[in-house]
Amino acid sequence: MIKGIVMACAAREYVDEVLETYMLALAGLDQCPDSAGAIRERLAANVERAERLFSDAVADGLAEASAAVDEAAQRLARANEASRAGYRNGRAIGDLLADLEQATEQAEGVLRASRG
């Protein structure tokens, strides 16, 4: 039973990282002026993608903990940190967009890894 508890905790941490990706993406869209055109459209598409990934992560539970999932989650955590650092350092949203999209790509990698 202890192994099941450890796996459940790890899965929750993975879902939390995917949630953080969604929240960072949402913050980017929120900070982008309506006049930004193509950048705003890319941010909106990234938010939709991140939201879908979070919904899938919650629904799937990411219960299949493995070395591949761990590695993907570590890449996601680094990508989320890069996005947070961009916000802290006051990077322009257009410059931060690539980091946000990279984090969403890494979140997708976590889900792919958890599905085997």
Foldseek 3Di string as FASTA:
>chain_A
DVVQVVLLVVLVLLLVLLVLLLVLLVVLLVPDDPPPPPLNVLSVVLNVLSVVLSVVSVVVSLSQDDPQLVVLSVQLVVLSVVLVVCVVVVPDSSVSSVSSSSSSVSSVSNVVSSVD
